[in-house]
Amino acid sequence: MDSIFSPPGFDWTKDKARELRQVIGAKKIGFWRAANLLCRMYGYAGWNELKELRSLDPPFPTEWDDQLDEYHLTERYDRFIDELNAELDIDDEQSQAILRKVNVSSRNVSYASTSSVREAVAVSDVDDFADRLAGILAALAPQIAAARSGGRQAIRSAYANRR
């Protein structure tokens, strides 16, 4: 999933940043560092980018936890863990303990089942890619044929006709 996972709003983000700071320890992390960490966990560069994108008209869309399948929910939690690990120099187990305490998501992920979910989705993703690739190749077939018969000039005309 290439999209950004949005937190519900500014107040929620500030509240969760305070909780995150409390769980990690106020001496280890300040409020704005915790807020920026939380924003990075959701895929933003930091608080300023969250504020900018959420202030757009219409606002940047939110992907709610209940809209995510198990694979993408696990992907979201992996991002959370990666950001916590990098910021705090801790391991996955410590990050998972922090996430359980702060509850940054309305759904919980069972880490014991993540590898089987990933394997099942990976097969589905490969099948989906193969289907899409067939369509892409069918669309490119005229350009490929033109390239074989007429060289670069034929390719340029094919692209010009496509626009």
Protein backbone atom coordinates (compact mmCIF):
# COMPACT_ATOMS: atom_id res chain seq x y z
CA MET A 1 0.00 0.00 0.00
CA ASP A 2 1.61 3.23 -1.11
CA SER A 3 -0.64 5.69 0.65
CA ILE A 4 -0.10 7.54 3.90
CA PHE A 5 -1.91 6.31 6.99
CA SER A 6 -3.48 9.36 8.57
CA PRO A 7 -4.16 9.85 12.24
CA PRO A 8 -7.74 11.02 12.93
CA GLY A 9 -6.87 14.63 13.77
CA PHE A 10 -4.60 17.11 15.51
CA ASP A 11 -6.08 16.71 18.99
CA TRP A 12 -5.85 12.92 18.75
CA THR A 13 -2.24 13.18 17.57
CA LYS A 14 -1.32 15.55 20.40
CA ASP A 15 -2.99 13.28 22.99
CA LYS A 16 -1.20 10.21 21.62
CA ALA A 17 2.12 12.10 21.55
CA ARG A 18 1.63 12.90 25.26
CA GLU A 19 0.85 9.23 25.98
CA LEU A 20 3.83 8.12 23.92
CA ARG A 21 6.07 10.50 25.85
CA GLN A 22 4.70 9.25 29.16
CA VAL A 23 5.26 5.60 28.23
CA ILE A 24 8.77 6.19 26.85
CA GLY A 25 9.71 8.56 29.64
CA ALA A 26 9.61 12.34 29.71
CA LYS A 27 13.37 12.51 30.30
CA LYS A 28 14.07 10.45 27.18
CA ILE A 29 11.79 12.26 24.75
CA GLY A 30 10.22 15.71 24.64
CA PHE A 31 6.67 16.45 23.50
CA TRP A 32 7.52 17.73 20.00
CA ARG A 33 9.97 14.90 19.40
CA ALA A 34 7.21 12.46 20.40
CA ALA A 35 4.73 14.29 18.13
CA ASN A 36 7.15 14.15 15.20
CA LEU A 37 7.84 10.48 15.89
CA LEU A 38 4.14 9.73 15.92
CA CYS A 39 3.69 11.59 12.62
CA ARG A 40 6.55 9.59 11.07
CA MET A 41 4.90 6.41 12.31
CA TYR A 42 1.90 7.42 10.20
CA GLY A 43 4.05 8.12 7.14
CA TYR A 44 4.54 11.87 7.37
CA ALA A 45 7.92 13.61 7.50
CA GLY A 46 6.83 15.20 10.78
CA TRP A 47 4.28 17.43 12.48
CA ASN A 48 4.57 20.24 9.93
CA GLU A 49 3.79 17.94 7.00
CA LEU A 50 0.82 16.45 8.85
CA LYS A 51 -0.49 19.93 9.56
CA GLU A 52 0.01 21.03 5.95
CA LEU A 53 -1.67 18.01 4.39
CA ARG A 54 -4.55 17.91 6.87
CA SER A 55 -5.19 21.63 6.24
CA LEU A 56 -5.80 21.15 2.52
CA ASP A 57 -9.26 21.66 1.09
CA PRO A 58 -10.46 18.93 0.84
CA PRO A 59 -8.34 17.49 3.66
CA PHE A 60 -5.94 14.65 2.95
CA PRO A 61 -7.94 11.41 3.28
CA THR A 62 -7.71 9.23 6.35
CA GLU A 63 -7.43 5.47 6.09
CA TRP A 64 -9.19 4.07 9.10
CA ASP A 65 -7.98 0.87 10.72
CA ASP A 66 -11.25 -0.91 10.04
CA GLN A 67 -10.75 -0.30 6.30
CA LEU A 68 -7.47 -2.23 6.26
CA ASP A 69 -7.14 -5.94 5.65
CA GLU A 70 -4.91 -7.97 7.95
CA TYR A 71 -1.86 -7.64 5.68
CA HIS A 72 -2.03 -3.85 5.43
CA LEU A 73 -2.77 -3.49 9.13
CA THR A 74 0.36 -5.53 9.81
CA GLU A 75 2.25 -3.33 7.35
CA ARG A 76 1.10 -0.27 9.33
CA TYR A 77 2.29 -1.80 12.61
CA ASP A 78 5.63 -2.69 11.01
CA ARG A 79 6.06 0.99 10.13
CA PHE A 80 5.21 1.94 13.71
CA ILE A 81 7.81 -0.51 15.04
CA ASP A 82 10.49 0.56 12.54
CA GLU A 83 10.08 4.22 13.50
CA LEU A 84 10.17 3.47 17.23
CA ASN A 85 13.23 1.24 16.80
CA ALA A 86 15.10 3.88 14.80
CA GLU A 87 14.17 6.82 17.02
CA LEU A 88 14.73 5.17 20.38
CA ASP A 89 17.38 2.58 19.44
CA ILE A 90 15.30 -0.28 20.84
CA ASP A 91 14.28 -3.72 19.56
CA ASP A 92 10.97 -4.98 18.17
CA GLU A 93 9.82 -6.44 21.48
CA GLN A 94 10.29 -3.12 23.30
CA SER A 95 8.49 -1.27 20.48
CA GLN A 96 5.57 -3.70 20.62
CA ALA A 97 5.30 -3.15 24.39
CA ILE A 98 5.15 0.63 23.82
CA LEU A 99 2.48 0.22 21.12
CA ARG A 100 0.35 -1.95 23.41
CA LYS A 101 0.50 0.70 26.14
CA VAL A 102 -0.09 3.74 23.93
CA ASN A 103 -2.73 2.07 21.73
CA VAL A 104 -2.08 4.15 18.60
CA SER A 105 -4.52 2.02 16.64
CA SER A 106 -8.06 0.85 17.28
CA ARG A 107 -7.09 -2.67 16.14
CA ASN A 108 -4.44 -4.96 17.47
CA VAL A 109 -2.09 -7.07 15.39
CA SER A 110 -1.22 -10.62 16.31
CA TYR A 111 2.49 -10.83 15.53
CA ALA A 112 2.44 -14.61 15.71
CA SER A 113 0.28 -14.72 12.59
CA THR A 114 1.97 -12.01 10.52
CA SER A 115 4.30 -14.30 8.57
CA SER A 116 1.46 -16.58 7.41
CA VAL A 117 -0.62 -13.55 6.42
CA ARG A 118 2.30 -12.12 4.47
CA GLU A 119 2.91 -15.40 2.66
CA ALA A 120 -0.76 -15.68 1.67
CA VAL A 121 -0.91 -12.10 0.47
CA ALA A 122 2.41 -12.42 -1.37
CA VAL A 123 0.93 -15.15 -3.57
CA SER A 124 -2.12 -12.98 -4.19
CA ASP A 125 0.11 -10.02 -5.00
CA VAL A 126 2.10 -12.07 -7.53
CA ASP A 127 -1.11 -13.20 -9.24
CA ASP A 128 -2.39 -9.62 -9.29
CA PHE A 129 0.90 -8.38 -10.74
CA ALA A 130 0.81 -11.06 -13.44
CA ASP A 131 -2.71 -9.99 -14.42
CA ARG A 132 -1.71 -6.32 -14.56
CA LEU A 133 1.47 -7.12 -16.50
CA ALA A 134 -0.55 -8.88 -19.19
CA GLY A 135 -2.67 -5.76 -19.61
CA ILE A 136 0.38 -3.49 -19.73
CA LEU A 137 2.06 -5.65 -22.35
CA ALA A 138 -1.11 -5.70 -24.46
CA ALA A 139 -1.21 -1.90 -24.35
CA LEU A 140 2.47 -1.68 -25.32
CA ALA A 141 2.28 -4.26 -28.12
CA PRO A 142 1.75 -1.67 -30.91
CA GLN A 143 4.73 0.34 -29.69
CA ILE A 144 6.89 -2.78 -29.50
CA ALA A 145 5.87 -3.77 -33.03
CA ALA A 146 6.59 -0.26 -34.28
CA ALA A 147 10.00 -0.30 -32.64
CA ARG A 148 10.88 -3.61 -34.25
CA SER A 149 9.85 -2.50 -37.71
CA GLY A 150 10.77 1.14 -37.85
CA GLY A 151 13.27 1.91 -35.12
CA ARG A 152 13.34 5.08 -33.05
CA GLN A 153 11.23 7.17 -35.40
CA ALA A 154 8.38 4.68 -35.08
CA ILE A 155 8.65 4.80 -31.29
CA ARG A 156 8.48 8.61 -31.31
CA SER A 157 5.36 8.54 -33.50
CA ALA A 158 3.73 5.93 -31.27
CA TYR A 159 4.35 8.11 -28.21
CA ALA A 160 3.16 11.22 -30.05
CA ASN A 161 -0.09 9.46 -31.05
CA ARG A 162 -0.57 8.27 -27.49
CA ARG A 163 -0.60 11.82 -26.10
